[in-house]
């Protein structure tokens, strides 16, 4: 008798799903482009820039990641 792995979970589509291809053409390409842009935006900046951002974030009571996210979202230094 074969043993069943308790950690293995098999997801089956719900009722009405015909297991066809996704209806959104180009979703793979847009996902690829988004991942590349995200990686480039969060690329580690030069040391001086990172230290300046860290100092400003600490002065505002934020983390470096929160401050950088606001900077990337708005394009404005707080």
C-alpha atoms as a PDB file:
ATOM      1  CA  UNK A   1       0.000   0.000   0.000  1.00  0.00           C
ATOM      2  CA  UNK A   2       1.387   3.423  -0.987  1.00  0.00           C
ATOM      3  CA  UNK A   3       1.885   6.053   1.684  1.00  0.00           C
ATOM      4  CA  UNK A   4       0.284   9.486   1.253  1.00  0.00           C
ATOM      5  CA  UNK A   5       2.410  12.569   1.945  1.00  0.00           C
ATOM      6  CA  UNK A   6       0.495  14.753   4.415  1.00  0.00           C
ATOM      7  CA  UNK A   7       2.274  17.891   3.128  1.00  0.00           C
ATOM      8  CA  UNK A   8       1.200  17.367  -0.486  1.00  0.00           C
ATOM      9  CA  UNK A   9      -1.911  19.300  -1.413  1.00  0.00           C
ATOM     10  CA  UNK A  10      -3.589  18.911  -4.771  1.00  0.00           C
ATOM     11  CA  UNK A  11      -5.725  21.853  -5.868  1.00  0.00           C
ATOM     12  CA  UNK A  12      -8.576  20.927  -8.162  1.00  0.00           C
ATOM     13  CA  UNK A  13     -10.567  23.530 -10.059  1.00  0.00           C
ATOM     14  CA  UNK A  14     -14.029  24.324  -8.763  1.00  0.00           C
ATOM     15  CA  UNK A  15     -17.395  23.558 -10.299  1.00  0.00           C
ATOM     16  CA  UNK A  16     -17.857  24.927 -13.802  1.00  0.00           C
ATOM     17  CA  UNK A  17     -14.139  25.096 -14.588  1.00  0.00           C
ATOM     18  CA  UNK A  18     -13.299  23.327 -17.844  1.00  0.00           C
ATOM     19  CA  UNK A  19      -9.530  23.354 -17.216  1.00  0.00           C
ATOM     20  CA  UNK A  20      -9.021  25.334 -20.407  1.00  0.00           C
ATOM     21  CA  UNK A  21      -6.289  27.888 -21.065  1.00  0.00           C
ATOM     22  CA  UNK A  22      -6.437  31.276 -19.341  1.00  0.00           C
ATOM     23  CA  UNK A  23      -8.699  33.751 -21.107  1.00  0.00           C
ATOM     24  CA  UNK A  24      -6.270  36.642 -20.691  1.00  0.00           C
ATOM     25  CA  UNK A  25      -3.841  36.594 -23.647  1.00  0.00           C
ATOM     26  CA  UNK A  26      -0.445  38.072 -22.893  1.00  0.00           C
ATOM     27  CA  UNK A  27      -0.697  37.567 -19.126  1.00  0.00           C
ATOM     28  CA  UNK A  28       2.598  35.671 -19.086  1.00  0.00           C
ATOM     29  CA  UNK A  29       4.421  38.485 -20.913  1.00  0.00           C
ATOM     30  CA  UNK A  30       2.997  41.202 -18.643  1.00  0.00           C
ATOM     31  CA  UNK A  31       3.965  39.152 -15.601  1.00  0.00           C
ATOM     32  CA  UNK A  32       7.493  38.778 -16.933  1.00  0.00           C
ATOM     33  CA  UNK A  33       7.747  42.534 -17.603  1.00  0.00           C
ATOM     34  CA  UNK A  34       6.403  43.348 -14.143  1.00  0.00           C
ATOM     35  CA  UNK A  35       8.906  41.061 -12.419  1.00  0.00           C
ATOM     36  CA  UNK A  36      11.805  42.624 -14.374  1.00  0.00           C
ATOM     37  CA  UNK A  37      10.645  46.185 -13.571  1.00  0.00           C
ATOM     38  CA  UNK A  38      10.091  45.300  -9.899  1.00  0.00           C
ATOM     39  CA  UNK A  39      13.577  43.815  -9.607  1.00  0.00           C
ATOM     40  CA  UNK A  40      15.127  46.854 -11.274  1.00  0.00           C
ATOM     41  CA  UNK A  41      13.204  49.317  -9.079  1.00  0.00           C
ATOM     42  CA  UNK A  42      14.243  47.543  -5.867  1.00  0.00           C
ATOM     43  CA  UNK A  43      17.859  47.117  -6.987  1.00  0.00           C
ATOM     44  CA  UNK A  44      20.263  48.170  -4.254  1.00  0.00           C
ATOM     45  CA  UNK A  45      21.239  51.825  -4.759  1.00  0.00           C
ATOM     46  CA  UNK A  46      24.752  53.182  -4.180  1.00  0.00           C
ATOM     47  CA  UNK A  47      25.881  53.214  -0.550  1.00  0.00           C
ATOM     48  CA  UNK A  48      25.527  56.994  -0.131  1.00  0.00           C
ATOM     49  CA  UNK A  49      21.945  56.959  -1.441  1.00  0.00           C
ATOM     50  CA  UNK A  50      20.965  54.032   0.784  1.00  0.00           C
ATOM     51  CA  UNK A  51      22.433  55.713   3.872  1.00  0.00           C
ATOM     52  CA  UNK A  52      20.662  58.998   3.090  1.00  0.00           C
ATOM     53  CA  UNK A  53      17.357  57.167   2.639  1.00  0.00           C
ATOM     54  CA  UNK A  54      17.906  55.250   5.865  1.00  0.00           C
ATOM     55  CA  UNK A  55      18.634  58.443   7.818  1.00  0.00           C
ATOM     56  CA  UNK A  56      15.538  60.154   6.408  1.00  0.00           C
ATOM     57  CA  UNK A  57      13.383  57.082   7.122  1.00  0.00           C
ATOM     58  CA  UNK A  58      14.577  56.917  10.720  1.00  0.00           C
ATOM     59  CA  UNK A  59      13.903  60.638  11.172  1.00  0.00           C
ATOM     60  CA  UNK A  60      10.321  60.041   9.993  1.00  0.00           C
ATOM     61  CA  UNK A  61       9.887  56.910  12.132  1.00  0.00           C
ATOM     62  CA  UNK A  62       9.673  54.589   9.139  1.00  0.00           C
ATOM     63  CA  UNK A  63      11.641  51.602   7.981  1.00  0.00           C
ATOM     64  CA  UNK A  64      13.974  51.867   5.004  1.00  0.00           C
ATOM     65  CA  UNK A  65      11.669  49.635   2.965  1.00  0.00           C
ATOM     66  CA  UNK A  66       8.569  51.724   3.771  1.00  0.00           C
ATOM     67  CA  UNK A  67      10.380  54.963   2.887  1.00  0.00           C
ATOM     68  CA  UNK A  68      11.700  53.512  -0.380  1.00  0.00           C
ATOM     69  CA  UNK A  69       8.236  52.212  -1.286  1.00  0.00           C
ATOM     70  CA  UNK A  70       6.769  55.704  -0.847  1.00  0.00           C
ATOM     71  CA  UNK A  71       9.623  57.163  -2.867  1.00  0.00           C
ATOM     72  CA  UNK A  72       9.087  54.688  -5.704  1.00  0.00           C
ATOM     73  CA  UNK A  73       5.309  55.111  -5.617  1.00  0.00           C
ATOM     74  CA  UNK A  74       5.135  58.905  -5.500  1.00  0.00           C
ATOM     75  CA  UNK A  75       8.525  59.863  -6.892  1.00  0.00           C
ATOM     76  CA  UNK A  76       8.868  62.484  -4.157  1.00  0.00           C
ATOM     77  CA  UNK A  77      11.163  62.597  -1.143  1.00  0.00           C
ATOM     78  CA  UNK A  78       9.271  63.002   2.138  1.00  0.00           C
END
